[in-house]
PDB file of N, CA and C in Angstrom:
ATOM      1  N   MET A   1     -13.370 -68.653  43.538  1.00  0.00           N
ATOM      2  CA  MET A   1     -13.255 -67.472  42.747  1.00  0.00           C
ATOM      3  C   MET A   1     -11.865 -66.886  42.970  1.00  0.00           C
ATOM      4  N   VAL A   2     -11.218 -66.556  41.875  1.00  0.00           N
ATOM      5  CA  VAL A   2      -9.918 -65.896  41.935  1.00  0.00           C
ATOM      6  C   VAL A   2     -10.052 -64.572  41.202  1.00  0.00           C
ATOM      7  N   LEU A   3      -9.635 -63.515  41.847  1.00  0.00           N
ATOM      8  CA  LEU A   3      -9.660 -62.192  41.236  1.00  0.00           C
ATOM      9  C   LEU A   3      -8.247 -61.649  41.174  1.00  0.00           C
ATOM     10  N   CYS A   4      -7.935 -60.985  40.090  1.00  0.00           N
ATOM     11  CA  CYS A   4      -6.645 -60.314  39.956  1.00  0.00           C
ATOM     12  C   CYS A   4      -6.911 -58.825  39.849  1.00  0.00           C
ATOM     13  N   ASN A   5      -6.193 -58.056  40.600  1.00  0.00           N
ATOM     14  CA  ASN A   5      -6.388 -56.617  40.642  1.00  0.00           C
ATOM     15  C   ASN A   5      -5.008 -55.968  40.574  1.00  0.00           C
ATOM     16  N   PRO A   6      -4.731 -55.193  39.535  1.00  0.00           N
ATOM     17  CA  PRO A   6      -3.404 -54.580  39.430  1.00  0.00           C
ATOM     18  C   PRO A   6      -3.240 -53.410  40.397  1.00  0.00           C
ATOM     19  N   VAL A   7      -2.007 -53.038  40.613  1.00  0.00           N
ATOM     20  CA  VAL A   7      -1.724 -51.811  41.355  1.00  0.00           C
ATOM     21  C   VAL A   7      -2.363 -50.666  40.575  1.00  0.00           C
ATOM     22  N   PRO A   8      -3.050 -49.752  41.242  1.00  0.00           N
ATOM     23  CA  PRO A   8      -3.632 -48.623  40.522  1.00  0.00           C
ATOM     24  C   PRO A   8      -2.561 -47.884  39.704  1.00  0.00           C
ATOM     25  N   ALA A   9      -2.937 -47.463  38.512  1.00  0.00           N
ATOM     26  CA  ALA A   9      -1.988 -46.809  37.598  1.00  0.00           C
ATOM     27  C   ALA A   9      -1.282 -45.627  38.258  1.00  0.00           C
ATOM     28  N   SER A  10      -1.980 -44.944  39.140  1.00  0.00           N
ATOM     29  CA  SER A  10      -1.386 -43.776  39.807  1.00  0.00           C
ATOM     30  C   SER A  10      -0.215 -44.144  40.715  1.00  0.00           C
ATOM     31  N   HIS A  11      -0.099 -45.417  41.077  1.00  0.00           N
ATOM     32  CA  HIS A  11       0.975 -45.870  41.962  1.00  0.00           C
ATOM     33  C   HIS A  11       1.858 -46.947  41.331  1.00  0.00           C
ATOM     34  N   ALA A  12       1.601 -47.259  40.068  1.00  0.00           N
ATOM     35  CA  ALA A  12       2.384 -48.296  39.391  1.00  0.00           C
ATOM     36  C   ALA A  12       3.833 -47.849  39.249  1.00  0.00           C
ATOM     37  N   MET A  13       4.720 -48.817  39.327  1.00  0.00           N
ATOM     38  CA  MET A  13       6.151 -48.548  39.190  1.00  0.00           C
ATOM     39  C   MET A  13       6.665 -49.266  37.953  1.00  0.00           C
ATOM     40  N   PRO A  14       7.684 -48.719  37.299  1.00  0.00           N
ATOM     41  CA  PRO A  14       8.248 -49.396  36.134  1.00  0.00           C
ATOM     42  C   PRO A  14       8.780 -50.778  36.525  1.00  0.00           C
ATOM     43  N   PRO A  15       8.460 -51.798  35.723  1.00  0.00           N
ATOM     44  CA  PRO A  15       8.886 -53.164  36.059  1.00  0.00           C
ATOM     45  C   PRO A  15      10.392 -53.305  36.264  1.00  0.00           C
ATOM     46  N   ASP A  16      11.187 -52.597  35.474  1.00  0.00           N
ATOM     47  CA  ASP A  16      12.639 -52.722  35.626  1.00  0.00           C
ATOM     48  C   ASP A  16      13.111 -52.139  36.958  1.00  0.00           C
ATOM     49  N   VAL A  17      12.464 -51.088  37.420  1.00  0.00           N
ATOM     50  CA  VAL A  17      12.810 -50.493  38.716  1.00  0.00           C
ATOM     51  C   VAL A  17      12.467 -51.471  39.839  1.00  0.00           C
ATOM     52  N   VAL A  18      11.296 -52.077  39.748  1.00  0.00           N
ATOM     53  CA  VAL A  18      10.869 -53.048  40.761  1.00  0.00           C
ATOM     54  C   VAL A  18      11.806 -54.252  40.761  1.00  0.00           C
ATOM     55  N   ALA A  19      12.107 -54.777  39.574  1.00  0.00           N
ATOM     56  CA  ALA A  19      12.971 -55.960  39.478  1.00  0.00           C
ATOM     57  C   ALA A  19      14.349 -55.687  40.073  1.00  0.00           C
ATOM     58  N   ALA A  20      14.910 -54.523  39.781  1.00  0.00           N
ATOM     59  CA  ALA A  20      16.233 -54.186  40.316  1.00  0.00           C
ATOM     60  C   ALA A  20      16.180 -54.041  41.837  1.00  0.00           C
ATOM     61  N   ALA A  21      15.132 -53.416  42.346  1.00  0.00           N
ATOM     62  CA  ALA A  21      14.995 -53.245  43.795  1.00  0.00           C
ATOM     63  C   ALA A  21      14.815 -54.592  44.489  1.00  0.00           C
ATOM     64  N   VAL A  22      14.023 -55.471  43.892  1.00  0.00           N
ATOM     65  CA  VAL A  22      13.821 -56.814  44.456  1.00  0.00           C
ATOM     66  C   VAL A  22      15.141 -57.577  44.475  1.00  0.00           C
ATOM     67  N   ARG A  23      15.877 -57.491  43.380  1.00  0.00           N
ATOM     68  CA  ARG A  23      17.167 -58.191  43.308  1.00  0.00           C
ATOM     69  C   ARG A  23      18.105 -57.704  44.417  1.00  0.00           C
ATOM     70  N   ARG A  24      18.201 -56.390  44.593  1.00  0.00           N
ATOM     71  CA  ARG A  24      19.076 -55.850  45.641  1.00  0.00           C
ATOM     72  C   ARG A  24      18.592 -56.256  47.037  1.00  0.00           C
ATOM     73  N   ALA A  25      17.281 -56.242  47.249  1.00  0.00           N
ATOM     74  CA  ALA A  25      16.730 -56.629  48.553  1.00  0.00           C
ATOM     75  C   ALA A  25      17.006 -58.105  48.840  1.00  0.00           C
ATOM     76  N   GLU A  26      16.838 -58.953  47.822  1.00  0.00           N
ATOM     77  CA  GLU A  26      17.117 -60.386  48.000  1.00  0.00           C
ATOM     78  C   GLU A  26      18.594 -60.628  48.274  1.00  0.00           C
ATOM     79  N   GLU A  27      19.462 -59.907  47.583  1.00  0.00           N
ATOM     80  CA  GLU A  27      20.902 -60.053  47.822  1.00  0.00           C
ATOM     81  C   GLU A  27      21.253 -59.635  49.245  1.00  0.00           C
ATOM     82  N   ARG A  28      20.649 -58.552  49.697  1.00  0.00           N
ATOM     83  CA  ARG A  28      20.884 -58.080  51.067  1.00  0.00           C
ATOM     84  C   ARG A  28      20.397 -59.103  52.088  1.00  0.00           C
ATOM     85  N   ALA A  29      19.224 -59.682  51.845  1.00  0.00           N
ATOM     86  CA  ALA A  29      18.697 -60.710  52.754  1.00  0.00           C
ATOM     87  C   ALA A  29      19.644 -61.904  52.814  1.00  0.00           C
ATOM     88  N   GLU A  30      20.148 -62.293  51.666  1.00  0.00           N
ATOM     89  CA  GLU A  30      21.086 -63.424  51.609  1.00  0.00           C
ATOM     90  C   GLU A  30      22.354 -63.104  52.403  1.00  0.00           C
ATOM     91  N   ARG A  31      22.915 -61.912  52.176  1.00  0.00           N
ATOM     92  CA  ARG A  31      24.136 -61.507  52.894  1.00  0.00           C
ATOM     93  C   ARG A  31      23.919 -61.480  54.403  1.00  0.00           C
ATOM     94  N   GLU A  32      22.736 -61.024  54.813  1.00  0.00           N
ATOM     95  CA  GLU A  32      22.447 -60.881  56.238  1.00  0.00           C
ATOM     96  C   GLU A  32      21.859 -62.144  56.857  1.00  0.00           C
ATOM     97  N   GLY A  33      21.681 -63.191  56.034  1.00  0.00           N
ATOM     98  CA  GLY A  33      21.189 -64.465  56.546  1.00  0.00           C
ATOM     99  C   GLY A  33      19.732 -64.451  56.985  1.00  0.00           C
ATOM    100  N   VAL A  34      18.939 -63.598  56.374  1.00  0.00           N
ATOM    101  CA  VAL A  34      17.518 -63.512  56.740  1.00  0.00           C
ATOM    102  C   VAL A  34      16.771 -64.630  56.033  1.00  0.00           C
ATOM    103  N   ARG A  35      16.026 -65.417  56.817  1.00  0.00           N
ATOM    104  CA  ARG A  35      15.289 -66.567  56.263  1.00  0.00           C
ATOM    105  C   ARG A  35      13.972 -66.747  57.010  1.00  0.00           C
ATOM    106  N   GLY A  36      13.185 -67.686  56.505  1.00  0.00           N
ATOM    107  CA  GLY A  36      11.956 -68.079  57.191  1.00  0.00           C
ATOM    108  C   GLY A  36      10.949 -66.949  57.296  1.00  0.00           C
ATOM    109  N   LYS A  37      10.259 -66.931  58.429  1.00  0.00           N
ATOM    110  CA  LYS A  37       9.172 -65.967  58.589  1.00  0.00           C
ATOM    111  C   LYS A  37       9.664 -64.524  58.661  1.00  0.00           C
ATOM    112  N   ALA A  38      10.940 -64.316  58.875  1.00  0.00           N
ATOM    113  CA  ALA A  38      11.495 -62.957  58.916  1.00  0.00           C
ATOM    114  C   ALA A  38      11.748 -62.393  57.518  1.00  0.00           C
ATOM    115  N   LEU A  39      11.728 -63.266  56.498  1.00  0.00           N
ATOM    116  CA  LEU A  39      12.111 -62.821  55.159  1.00  0.00           C
ATOM    117  C   LEU A  39      11.131 -61.823  54.556  1.00  0.00           C
ATOM    118  N   THR A  40       9.839 -62.101  54.611  1.00  0.00           N
ATOM    119  CA  THR A  40       8.869 -61.203  53.970  1.00  0.00           C
ATOM    120  C   THR A  40       8.913 -59.792  54.561  1.00  0.00           C
ATOM    121  N   PRO A  41       8.838 -59.628  55.893  1.00  0.00           N
ATOM    122  CA  PRO A  41       8.916 -58.261  56.418  1.00  0.00           C
ATOM    123  C   PRO A  41      10.247 -57.582  56.085  1.00  0.00           C
ATOM    124  N   PHE A  42      11.322 -58.360  56.080  1.00  0.00           N
ATOM    125  CA  PHE A  42      12.625 -57.802  55.728  1.00  0.00           C
ATOM    126  C   PHE A  42      12.610 -57.287  54.299  1.00  0.00           C
ATOM    127  N   LEU A  43      12.104 -58.109  53.371  1.00  0.00           N
ATOM    128  CA  LEU A  43      12.072 -57.707  51.964  1.00  0.00           C
ATOM    129  C   LEU A  43      11.178 -56.489  51.748  1.00  0.00           C
ATOM    130  N   LEU A  44      10.018 -56.460  52.385  1.00  0.00           N
ATOM    131  CA  LEU A  44       9.130 -55.302  52.237  1.00  0.00           C
ATOM    132  C   LEU A  44       9.806 -54.028  52.736  1.00  0.00           C
ATOM    133  N   SER A  45      10.494 -54.124  53.852  1.00  0.00           N
ATOM    134  CA  SER A  45      11.203 -52.965  54.395  1.00  0.00           C
ATOM    135  C   SER A  45      12.354 -52.550  53.479  1.00  0.00           C
ATOM    136  N   ALA A  46      13.113 -53.529  53.012  1.00  0.00           N
ATOM    137  CA  ALA A  46      14.232 -53.232  52.116  1.00  0.00           C
ATOM    138  C   ALA A  46      13.739 -52.627  50.809  1.00  0.00           C
ATOM    139  N   LEU A  47      12.619 -53.126  50.289  1.00  0.00           N
ATOM    140  CA  LEU A  47      12.053 -52.561  49.057  1.00  0.00           C
ATOM    141  C   LEU A  47      11.608 -51.119  49.277  1.00  0.00           C
ATOM    142  N   ALA A  48      11.015 -50.846  50.410  1.00  0.00           N
ATOM    143  CA  ALA A  48      10.607 -49.470  50.710  1.00  0.00           C
ATOM    144  C   ALA A  48      11.825 -48.551  50.731  1.00  0.00           C
ATOM    145  N   GLU A  49      12.918 -49.031  51.321  1.00  0.00           N
ATOM    146  CA  GLU A  49      14.157 -48.245  51.338  1.00  0.00           C
ATOM    147  C   GLU A  49      14.703 -48.062  49.928  1.00  0.00           C
ATOM    148  N   GLU A  50      14.760 -49.148  49.172  1.00  0.00           N
ATOM    149  CA  GLU A  50      15.322 -49.119  47.816  1.00  0.00           C
ATOM    150  C   GLU A  50      14.541 -48.201  46.876  1.00  0.00           C
ATOM    151  N   THR A  51      13.239 -48.060  47.125  1.00  0.00           N
ATOM    152  CA  THR A  51      12.382 -47.281  46.218  1.00  0.00           C
ATOM    153  C   THR A  51      11.959 -45.945  46.832  1.00  0.00           C
ATOM    154  N   ALA A  52      12.620 -45.536  47.888  1.00  0.00           N
ATOM    155  CA  ALA A  52      12.304 -44.272  48.567  1.00  0.00           C
ATOM    156  C   ALA A  52      10.823 -44.198  48.945  1.00  0.00           C
ATOM    157  N   GLY A  53      10.267 -45.335  49.358  1.00  0.00           N
ATOM    158  CA  GLY A  53       8.889 -45.381  49.822  1.00  0.00           C
ATOM    159  C   GLY A  53       7.845 -45.646  48.754  1.00  0.00           C
ATOM    160  N   ALA A  54       8.242 -45.642  47.485  1.00  0.00           N
ATOM    161  CA  ALA A  54       7.268 -45.837  46.399  1.00  0.00           C
ATOM    162  C   ALA A  54       6.624 -47.219  46.454  1.00  0.00           C
ATOM    163  N   SER A  55       7.386 -48.244  46.817  1.00  0.00           N
ATOM    164  CA  SER A  55       6.806 -49.592  46.884  1.00  0.00           C
ATOM    165  C   SER A  55       5.793 -49.692  48.022  1.00  0.00           C
ATOM    166  N   LEU A  56       6.051 -49.021  49.118  1.00  0.00           N
ATOM    167  CA  LEU A  56       5.098 -49.007  50.231  1.00  0.00           C
ATOM    168  C   LEU A  56       3.809 -48.310  49.803  1.00  0.00           C
ATOM    169  N   GLU A  57       3.940 -47.179  49.137  1.00  0.00           N
ATOM    170  CA  GLU A  57       2.759 -46.457  48.644  1.00  0.00           C
ATOM    171  C   GLU A  57       1.979 -47.316  47.650  1.00  0.00           C
ATOM    172  N   ALA A  58       2.690 -48.034  46.782  1.00  0.00           N
ATOM    173  CA  ALA A  58       2.026 -48.911  45.811  1.00  0.00           C
ATOM    174  C   ALA A  58       1.281 -50.036  46.524  1.00  0.00           C
ATOM    175  N   ASN A  59       1.905 -50.623  47.539  1.00  0.00           N
ATOM    176  CA  ASN A  59       1.250 -51.702  48.292  1.00  0.00           C
ATOM    177  C   ASN A  59       0.018 -51.199  49.032  1.00  0.00           C
ATOM    178  N   LEU A  60       0.092 -50.008  49.599  1.00  0.00           N
ATOM    179  CA  LEU A  60      -1.069 -49.447  50.292  1.00  0.00           C
ATOM    180  C   LEU A  60      -2.198 -49.133  49.312  1.00  0.00           C
ATOM    181  N   ALA A  61      -1.847 -48.606  48.145  1.00  0.00           N
ATOM    182  CA  ALA A  61      -2.863 -48.325  47.123  1.00  0.00           C
ATOM    183  C   ALA A  61      -3.512 -49.623  46.653  1.00  0.00           C
ATOM    184  N   LEU A  62      -2.709 -50.675  46.501  1.00  0.00           N
ATOM    185  CA  LEU A  62      -3.247 -51.973  46.099  1.00  0.00           C
ATOM    186  C   LEU A  62      -4.166 -52.537  47.181  1.00  0.00           C
ATOM    187  N   LEU A  63      -3.781 -52.386  48.423  1.00  0.00           N
ATOM    188  CA  LEU A  63      -4.622 -52.841  49.534  1.00  0.00           C
ATOM    189  C   LEU A  63      -5.988 -52.152  49.489  1.00  0.00           C
ATOM    190  N   GLU A  64      -5.982 -50.846  49.281  1.00  0.00           N
ATOM    191  CA  GLU A  64      -7.243 -50.101  49.196  1.00  0.00           C
ATOM    192  C   GLU A  64      -8.065 -50.548  47.988  1.00  0.00           C
ATOM    193  N   ALA A  65      -7.404 -50.747  46.846  1.00  0.00           N
ATOM    194  CA  ALA A  65      -8.106 -51.189  45.638  1.00  0.00           C
ATOM    195  C   ALA A  65      -8.690 -52.587  45.835  1.00  0.00           C
ATOM    196  N   ASN A  66      -7.950 -53.459  46.504  1.00  0.00           N
ATOM    197  CA  ASN A  66      -8.454 -54.809  46.768  1.00  0.00           C
ATOM    198  C   ASN A  66      -9.668 -54.778  47.690  1.00  0.00           C
ATOM    199  N   ALA A  67      -9.633 -53.920  48.694  1.00  0.00           N
ATOM    200  CA  ALA A  67     -10.777 -53.800  49.604  1.00  0.00           C
ATOM    201  C   ALA A  67     -12.005 -53.290  48.853  1.00  0.00           C
ATOM    202  N   ALA A  68     -11.807 -52.323  47.964  1.00  0.00           N
ATOM    203  CA  ALA A  68     -12.928 -51.794  47.181  1.00  0.00           C
ATOM    204  C   ALA A  68     -13.496 -52.861  46.257  1.00  0.00           C
ATOM    205  N   LEU A  69     -12.620 -53.623  45.613  1.00  0.00           N
ATOM    206  CA  LEU A  69     -13.071 -54.696  44.728  1.00  0.00           C
ATOM    207  C   LEU A  69     -13.813 -55.771  45.523  1.00  0.00           C
ATOM    208  N   ALA A  70     -13.289 -56.130  46.678  1.00  0.00           N
ATOM    209  CA  ALA A  70     -13.953 -57.134  47.519  1.00  0.00           C
ATOM    210  C   ALA A  70     -15.344 -56.655  47.931  1.00  0.00           C
ATOM    211  N   ALA A  71     -15.471 -55.380  48.234  1.00  0.00           N
ATOM    212  CA  ALA A  71     -16.780 -54.834  48.604  1.00  0.00           C
ATOM    213  C   ALA A  71     -17.749 -54.896  47.428  1.00  0.00           C
ATOM    214  N   GLU A  72     -17.251 -54.585  46.226  1.00  0.00           N
ATOM    215  CA  GLU A  72     -18.094 -54.675  45.025  1.00  0.00           C
ATOM    216  C   GLU A  72     -18.583 -56.103  44.807  1.00  0.00           C
ATOM    217  N   VAL A  73     -17.668 -57.050  44.905  1.00  0.00           N
ATOM    218  CA  VAL A  73     -18.017 -58.457  44.699  1.00  0.00           C
ATOM    219  C   VAL A  73     -19.015 -58.908  45.764  1.00  0.00           C
ATOM    220  N   ALA A  74     -18.769 -58.543  47.006  1.00  0.00           N
ATOM    221  CA  ALA A  74     -19.678 -58.928  48.091  1.00  0.00           C
ATOM    222  C   ALA A  74     -21.069 -58.358  47.856  1.00  0.00           C
ATOM    223  N   ALA A  75     -21.136 -57.117  47.410  1.00  0.00           N
ATOM    224  CA  ALA A  75     -22.442 -56.500  47.148  1.00  0.00           C
ATOM    225  C   ALA A  75     -23.170 -57.218  46.019  1.00  0.00           C
ATOM    226  N   GLU A  76     -22.438 -57.571  44.967  1.00  0.00           N
ATOM    227  CA  GLU A  76     -23.046 -58.310  43.851  1.00  0.00           C
ATOM    228  C   GLU A  76     -23.535 -59.679  44.303  1.00  0.00           C
ATOM    229  N   LEU A  77     -22.704 -60.378  45.051  1.00  0.00           N
ATOM    230  CA  LEU A  77     -23.079 -61.715  45.510  1.00  0.00           C
ATOM    231  C   LEU A  77     -24.248 -61.662  46.492  1.00  0.00           C
ATOM    232  N   ALA A  78     -24.310 -60.623  47.294  1.00  0.00           N
ATOM    233  CA  ALA A  78     -25.400 -60.499  48.267  1.00  0.00           C
ATOM    234  C   ALA A  78     -26.747 -60.318  47.576  1.00  0.00           C
ATOM    235  N   GLY A  79     -26.726 -59.759  46.384  1.00  0.00           N
ATOM    236  CA  GLY A  79     -27.964 -59.534  45.656  1.00  0.00           C
ATOM    237  C   GLY A  79     -28.441 -60.718  44.846  1.00  0.00           C
ATOM    238  N   ARG A  80     -27.644 -61.759  44.778  1.00  0.00           N
ATOM    239  CA  ARG A  80     -28.013 -62.963  44.010  1.00  0.00           C
ATOM    240  C   ARG A  80     -28.885 -63.886  44.835  1.00  0.00           C
ATOM    241  N   PRO A  81     -29.818 -64.557  44.169  1.00  0.00           N
ATOM    242  CA  PRO A  81     -30.570 -65.586  44.898  1.00  0.00           C
ATOM    243  C   PRO A  81     -29.648 -66.756  45.241  1.00  0.00           C
ATOM    244  N   ARG A  82     -29.942 -67.404  46.327  1.00  0.00           N
ATOM    245  CA  ARG A  82     -29.085 -68.528  46.748  1.00  0.00           C
ATOM    246  C   ARG A  82     -29.519 -69.802  46.129  1.00  0.00           C
TER     247      ARG A  82
END
């Protein structure tokens, strides 16, 4: 089963703002030689800086929404006969 869950509308960011922030974060990672397992935390931190914390808030809202959706799915599946 694959589920897709968007960022809640209350925390959604304009795609062009996200794309520009990602581009700047990737350029910074390249300049600083960040690679491998250090890249993801670096990019998340750089994105939070680039977006004045909005990307972090969006990720946290998505995490909460995903947990709620997972709970809904689990409850539905638990009620099904095996």
